[in-house]
């Protein structure tokens, strides 16, 4: 169960909004150097305001744009524990899971949420709640394979600890 402060974002938040390419390419060898620039054009000084366990709640098409893996990795690094959105770019969604950042598709909670609300996400139970507003929504529970990757902290950690997952074996 995840419980944290909501950071409300609108539709079409791109990976360039999350971390601008001008920083990505200038600090390609140092994710730490990119941290102060996470979401800076959307929420100035976000990296100073966000706390471990906080949740981003957004509209449609979250993570659109380039396939840069740094975007979900940096959100996780600054303390974001989950992103709840009406829809995600497919590439962002997969990259988020690969780095161990929970992503959940929900329709009602994004409509009622505001920055500062308390949000709960129960990925195994398939429930998202805006505790502040008293709105609860049933969402699709994540497949067990995805849950295992998230619990391990990402696909690399999963493979280090468990070896190649059965669903990847024989895919060469």
C-alpha atoms as a PDB file:
ATOM      1  CA  UNK A   1       0.000   0.000   0.000  1.00  0.00           C
ATOM      2  CA  UNK A   2       1.298   3.417  -0.944  1.00  0.00           C
ATOM      3  CA  UNK A   3       0.022   6.554   0.755  1.00  0.00           C
ATOM      4  CA  UNK A   4       1.318  10.011  -0.031  1.00  0.00           C
ATOM      5  CA  UNK A   5       0.735  13.605  -0.975  1.00  0.00           C
ATOM      6  CA  UNK A   6      -0.783  14.167  -4.396  1.00  0.00           C
ATOM      7  CA  UNK A   7       0.998  16.255  -7.012  1.00  0.00           C
ATOM      8  CA  UNK A   8      -1.672  16.976  -9.638  1.00  0.00           C
ATOM      9  CA  UNK A   9      -0.565  17.342 -13.252  1.00  0.00           C
ATOM     10  CA  UNK A  10      -2.642  17.768 -16.386  1.00  0.00           C
ATOM     11  CA  UNK A  11      -2.782  15.917 -19.725  1.00  0.00           C
ATOM     12  CA  UNK A  12       0.206  15.385 -22.012  1.00  0.00           C
ATOM     13  CA  UNK A  13       3.065  15.638 -19.518  1.00  0.00           C
ATOM     14  CA  UNK A  14       6.012  14.630 -21.675  1.00  0.00           C
ATOM     15  CA  UNK A  15       9.350  13.102 -20.773  1.00  0.00           C
ATOM     16  CA  UNK A  16      10.798  16.493 -21.722  1.00  0.00           C
ATOM     17  CA  UNK A  17       8.626  18.081 -19.000  1.00  0.00           C
ATOM     18  CA  UNK A  18       9.923  15.501 -16.529  1.00  0.00           C
ATOM     19  CA  UNK A  19      13.574  16.048 -17.508  1.00  0.00           C
ATOM     20  CA  UNK A  20      14.450  18.370 -20.344  1.00  0.00           C
ATOM     21  CA  UNK A  21      16.757  17.017 -23.000  1.00  0.00           C
ATOM     22  CA  UNK A  22      19.081  19.952 -22.426  1.00  0.00           C
ATOM     23  CA  UNK A  23      19.962  18.419 -19.039  1.00  0.00           C
ATOM     24  CA  UNK A  24      19.755  14.828 -20.113  1.00  0.00           C
ATOM     25  CA  UNK A  25      22.480  15.230 -22.680  1.00  0.00           C
ATOM     26  CA  UNK A  26      24.595  17.548 -20.578  1.00  0.00           C
ATOM     27  CA  UNK A  27      24.675  15.206 -17.603  1.00  0.00           C
ATOM     28  CA  UNK A  28      24.336  11.850 -19.333  1.00  0.00           C
ATOM     29  CA  UNK A  29      26.713  10.162 -16.891  1.00  0.00           C
ATOM     30  CA  UNK A  30      25.177  11.614 -13.735  1.00  0.00           C
ATOM     31  CA  UNK A  31      21.549  11.170 -12.793  1.00  0.00           C
ATOM     32  CA  UNK A  32      22.267  13.075  -9.574  1.00  0.00           C
ATOM     33  CA  UNK A  33      23.147  16.157 -11.640  1.00  0.00           C
ATOM     34  CA  UNK A  34      19.696  15.978 -13.269  1.00  0.00           C
ATOM     35  CA  UNK A  35      17.699  15.752 -10.004  1.00  0.00           C
ATOM     36  CA  UNK A  36      17.348  19.548  -9.487  1.00  0.00           C
ATOM     37  CA  UNK A  37      15.731  19.817 -12.923  1.00  0.00           C
ATOM     38  CA  UNK A  38      12.959  17.211 -12.487  1.00  0.00           C
ATOM     39  CA  UNK A  39       9.636  18.780 -13.534  1.00  0.00           C
ATOM     40  CA  UNK A  40      11.195  22.252 -13.147  1.00  0.00           C
ATOM     41  CA  UNK A  41       9.139  23.795 -15.945  1.00  0.00           C
ATOM     42  CA  UNK A  42       5.900  22.405 -14.482  1.00  0.00           C
ATOM     43  CA  UNK A  43       6.536  22.749 -10.717  1.00  0.00           C
ATOM     44  CA  UNK A  44       9.523  24.970  -9.922  1.00  0.00           C
ATOM     45  CA  UNK A  45      11.825  23.402  -7.294  1.00  0.00           C
ATOM     46  CA  UNK A  46       9.798  20.168  -7.373  1.00  0.00           C
ATOM     47  CA  UNK A  47      12.829  18.191  -6.211  1.00  0.00           C
ATOM     48  CA  UNK A  48      12.902  20.288  -2.994  1.00  0.00           C
ATOM     49  CA  UNK A  49       9.144  20.012  -2.376  1.00  0.00           C
ATOM     50  CA  UNK A  50       8.434  16.357  -3.113  1.00  0.00           C
ATOM     51  CA  UNK A  51       8.752  13.830  -0.289  1.00  0.00           C
ATOM     52  CA  UNK A  52       9.430  10.122  -0.349  1.00  0.00           C
ATOM     53  CA  UNK A  53       6.147   8.325  -0.921  1.00  0.00           C
ATOM     54  CA  UNK A  54       4.386  11.151  -2.764  1.00  0.00           C
ATOM     55  CA  UNK A  55       2.157  10.311  -5.725  1.00  0.00           C
ATOM     56  CA  UNK A  56       1.782  12.096  -9.055  1.00  0.00           C
ATOM     57  CA  UNK A  57      -1.813  12.102 -10.306  1.00  0.00           C
ATOM     58  CA  UNK A  58      -2.232  13.173 -13.922  1.00  0.00           C
ATOM     59  CA  UNK A  59      -4.535  13.228 -16.895  1.00  0.00           C
ATOM     60  CA  UNK A  60      -4.109  11.514 -20.233  1.00  0.00           C
ATOM     61  CA  UNK A  61      -0.957  10.555 -22.111  1.00  0.00           C
ATOM     62  CA  UNK A  62       1.516  10.852 -19.220  1.00  0.00           C
ATOM     63  CA  UNK A  63       5.122  10.370 -20.301  1.00  0.00           C
ATOM     64  CA  UNK A  64       4.595  11.049 -23.991  1.00  0.00           C
ATOM     65  CA  UNK A  65       7.553  11.915 -26.166  1.00  0.00           C
ATOM     66  CA  UNK A  66      10.968  10.366 -26.229  1.00  0.00           C
ATOM     67  CA  UNK A  67      11.785   6.985 -24.799  1.00  0.00           C
ATOM     68  CA  UNK A  68      14.275   8.326 -22.271  1.00  0.00           C
ATOM     69  CA  UNK A  69      14.491   5.968 -19.346  1.00  0.00           C
ATOM     70  CA  UNK A  70      15.827   8.789 -17.168  1.00  0.00           C
ATOM     71  CA  UNK A  71      12.323  10.279 -16.798  1.00  0.00           C
ATOM     72  CA  UNK A  72      10.768   7.527 -14.631  1.00  0.00           C
ATOM     73  CA  UNK A  73      14.101   6.812 -12.928  1.00  0.00           C
ATOM     74  CA  UNK A  74      14.427  10.455 -11.841  1.00  0.00           C
ATOM     75  CA  UNK A  75      10.831  10.603 -10.581  1.00  0.00           C
ATOM     76  CA  UNK A  76      11.636   7.607  -8.409  1.00  0.00           C
ATOM     77  CA  UNK A  77      14.936   9.164  -7.281  1.00  0.00           C
ATOM     78  CA  UNK A  78      13.237  12.338  -6.011  1.00  0.00           C
ATOM     79  CA  UNK A  79      10.760  10.296  -3.966  1.00  0.00           C
ATOM     80  CA  UNK A  80       7.714   9.713  -6.177  1.00  0.00           C
ATOM     81  CA  UNK A  81       6.357   6.282  -5.262  1.00  0.00           C
ATOM     82  CA  UNK A  82       3.658   6.023  -7.934  1.00  0.00           C
ATOM     83  CA  UNK A  83       2.129   7.783 -10.900  1.00  0.00           C
ATOM     84  CA  UNK A  84      -1.633   7.492 -11.315  1.00  0.00           C
ATOM     85  CA  UNK A  85      -2.903   8.753 -14.663  1.00  0.00           C
ATOM     86  CA  UNK A  86      -5.818   8.366 -17.058  1.00  0.00           C
ATOM     87  CA  UNK A  87      -3.401   6.942 -19.639  1.00  0.00           C
ATOM     88  CA  UNK A  88       0.317   6.576 -20.263  1.00  0.00           C
ATOM     89  CA  UNK A  89       2.635   6.537 -23.197  1.00  0.00           C
ATOM     90  CA  UNK A  90       3.396   2.838 -23.729  1.00  0.00           C
ATOM     91  CA  UNK A  91       7.144   3.427 -23.672  1.00  0.00           C
ATOM     92  CA  UNK A  92       6.994   5.438 -20.427  1.00  0.00           C
ATOM     93  CA  UNK A  93       4.774   2.800 -18.813  1.00  0.00           C
ATOM     94  CA  UNK A  94       7.221   0.014 -19.627  1.00  0.00           C
ATOM     95  CA  UNK A  95      10.280   2.084 -18.646  1.00  0.00           C
ATOM     96  CA  UNK A  96       8.633   2.923 -15.313  1.00  0.00           C
ATOM     97  CA  UNK A  97       8.070  -0.737 -14.514  1.00  0.00           C
ATOM     98  CA  UNK A  98      11.601  -1.576 -15.638  1.00  0.00           C
ATOM     99  CA  UNK A  99      13.046   0.915 -13.110  1.00  0.00           C
ATOM    100  CA  UNK A 100      10.591  -0.068 -10.361  1.00  0.00           C
ATOM    101  CA  UNK A 101       8.217   2.909 -10.444  1.00  0.00           C
ATOM    102  CA  UNK A 102       4.564   1.974  -9.959  1.00  0.00           C
ATOM    103  CA  UNK A 103       2.233   3.243 -12.698  1.00  0.00           C
ATOM    104  CA  UNK A 104      -1.539   2.845 -12.440  1.00  0.00           C
ATOM    105  CA  UNK A 105      -4.295   3.729 -14.887  1.00  0.00           C
ATOM    106  CA  UNK A 106      -7.339   5.302 -13.191  1.00  0.00           C
ATOM    107  CA  UNK A 107     -10.200   7.449 -14.473  1.00  0.00           C
ATOM    108  CA  UNK A 108     -12.112   8.930 -11.506  1.00  0.00           C
ATOM    109  CA  UNK A 109      -9.339   9.762  -9.047  1.00  0.00           C
ATOM    110  CA  UNK A 110      -7.462  12.036 -11.498  1.00  0.00           C
ATOM    111  CA  UNK A 111     -10.662  14.033 -12.054  1.00  0.00           C
ATOM    112  CA  UNK A 112     -11.180  14.833  -8.357  1.00  0.00           C
ATOM    113  CA  UNK A 113      -7.576  15.134  -7.150  1.00  0.00           C
ATOM    114  CA  UNK A 114      -5.727  18.332  -6.340  1.00  0.00           C
ATOM    115  CA  UNK A 115      -2.165  18.968  -5.242  1.00  0.00           C
ATOM    116  CA  UNK A 116      -1.973  18.415  -1.499  1.00  0.00           C
ATOM    117  CA  UNK A 117      -4.657  15.737  -1.283  1.00  0.00           C
ATOM    118  CA  UNK A 118      -3.752  12.403   0.287  1.00  0.00           C
ATOM    119  CA  UNK A 119      -3.798   9.519  -2.189  1.00  0.00           C
ATOM    120  CA  UNK A 120      -3.549   5.784  -1.555  1.00  0.00           C
ATOM    121  CA  UNK A 121      -2.643   3.153  -4.105  1.00  0.00           C
ATOM    122  CA  UNK A 122      -3.091  -0.561  -3.472  1.00  0.00           C
ATOM    123  CA  UNK A 123      -1.559  -2.139  -6.573  1.00  0.00           C
ATOM    124  CA  UNK A 124      -2.207  -5.740  -5.548  1.00  0.00           C
ATOM    125  CA  UNK A 125      -5.785  -5.041  -4.481  1.00  0.00           C
ATOM    126  CA  UNK A 126      -6.480  -2.924  -7.554  1.00  0.00           C
ATOM    127  CA  UNK A 127      -7.688   0.149  -5.657  1.00  0.00           C
ATOM    128  CA  UNK A 128      -6.811   3.850  -5.855  1.00  0.00           C
ATOM    129  CA  UNK A 129      -8.229   6.282  -3.295  1.00  0.00           C
ATOM    130  CA  UNK A 130      -8.258  10.012  -2.898  1.00  0.00           C
ATOM    131  CA  UNK A 131      -8.536   9.920   0.883  1.00  0.00           C
ATOM    132  CA  UNK A 132      -9.058  13.688   1.135  1.00  0.00           C
ATOM    133  CA  UNK A 133     -12.064  13.658  -1.207  1.00  0.00           C
ATOM    134  CA  UNK A 134     -13.398  10.236  -0.163  1.00  0.00           C
ATOM    135  CA  UNK A 135     -13.251   8.851  -3.707  1.00  0.00           C
ATOM    136  CA  UNK A 136     -12.265   5.240  -4.276  1.00  0.00           C
ATOM    137  CA  UNK A 137     -11.786   3.568  -7.632  1.00  0.00           C
ATOM    138  CA  UNK A 138     -11.255  -0.039  -8.603  1.00  0.00           C
ATOM    139  CA  UNK A 139      -8.490  -0.373 -11.189  1.00  0.00           C
ATOM    140  CA  UNK A 140      -6.959  -3.313 -12.996  1.00  0.00           C
ATOM    141  CA  UNK A 141      -4.602  -5.148 -10.667  1.00  0.00           C
ATOM    142  CA  UNK A 142      -1.144  -5.530 -12.139  1.00  0.00           C
ATOM    143  CA  UNK A 143      -0.109  -8.939 -13.454  1.00  0.00           C
ATOM    144  CA  UNK A 144       1.973 -10.991 -11.024  1.00  0.00           C
ATOM    145  CA  UNK A 145       5.027 -10.671 -13.295  1.00  0.00           C
ATOM    146  CA  UNK A 146       4.848  -6.882 -13.134  1.00  0.00           C
ATOM    147  CA  UNK A 147       4.291  -6.927  -9.370  1.00  0.00           C
ATOM    148  CA  UNK A 148       7.371  -9.126  -8.957  1.00  0.00           C
ATOM    149  CA  UNK A 149       9.494  -6.663 -10.963  1.00  0.00           C
ATOM    150  CA  UNK A 150       8.200  -3.695  -8.939  1.00  0.00           C
ATOM    151  CA  UNK A 151       8.788  -5.459  -5.613  1.00  0.00           C
ATOM    152  CA  UNK A 152      12.379  -6.218  -6.658  1.00  0.00           C
ATOM    153  CA  UNK A 153      12.981  -2.531  -7.466  1.00  0.00           C
ATOM    154  CA  UNK A 154      13.033  -2.958 -11.245  1.00  0.00           C
ATOM    155  CA  UNK A 155      13.901  -5.528 -13.880  1.00  0.00           C
ATOM    156  CA  UNK A 156      17.677  -5.358 -13.316  1.00  0.00           C
ATOM    157  CA  UNK A 157      17.289  -6.054  -9.597  1.00  0.00           C
ATOM    158  CA  UNK A 158      14.775  -8.797 -10.349  1.00  0.00           C
ATOM    159  CA  UNK A 159      17.229 -10.560 -12.655  1.00  0.00           C
ATOM    160  CA  UNK A 160      20.121 -10.102 -10.191  1.00  0.00           C
ATOM    161  CA  UNK A 161      18.073 -11.708  -7.420  1.00  0.00           C
ATOM    162  CA  UNK A 162      16.063 -14.323  -9.327  1.00  0.00           C
ATOM    163  CA  UNK A 163      17.715 -14.858 -12.700  1.00  0.00           C
ATOM    164  CA  UNK A 164      15.870 -14.353 -15.952  1.00  0.00           C
ATOM    165  CA  UNK A 165      12.123 -14.568 -15.408  1.00  0.00           C
ATOM    166  CA  UNK A 166      10.385 -17.559 -17.015  1.00  0.00           C
ATOM    167  CA  UNK A 167       8.539 -15.326 -19.456  1.00  0.00           C
ATOM    168  CA  UNK A 168      11.884 -14.122 -20.885  1.00  0.00           C
ATOM    169  CA  UNK A 169      13.599 -17.492 -21.185  1.00  0.00           C
ATOM    170  CA  UNK A 170      13.878 -18.820 -24.695  1.00  0.00           C
ATOM    171  CA  UNK A 171      13.299 -15.421 -26.337  1.00  0.00           C
ATOM    172  CA  UNK A 172      16.760 -15.131 -27.904  1.00  0.00           C
END
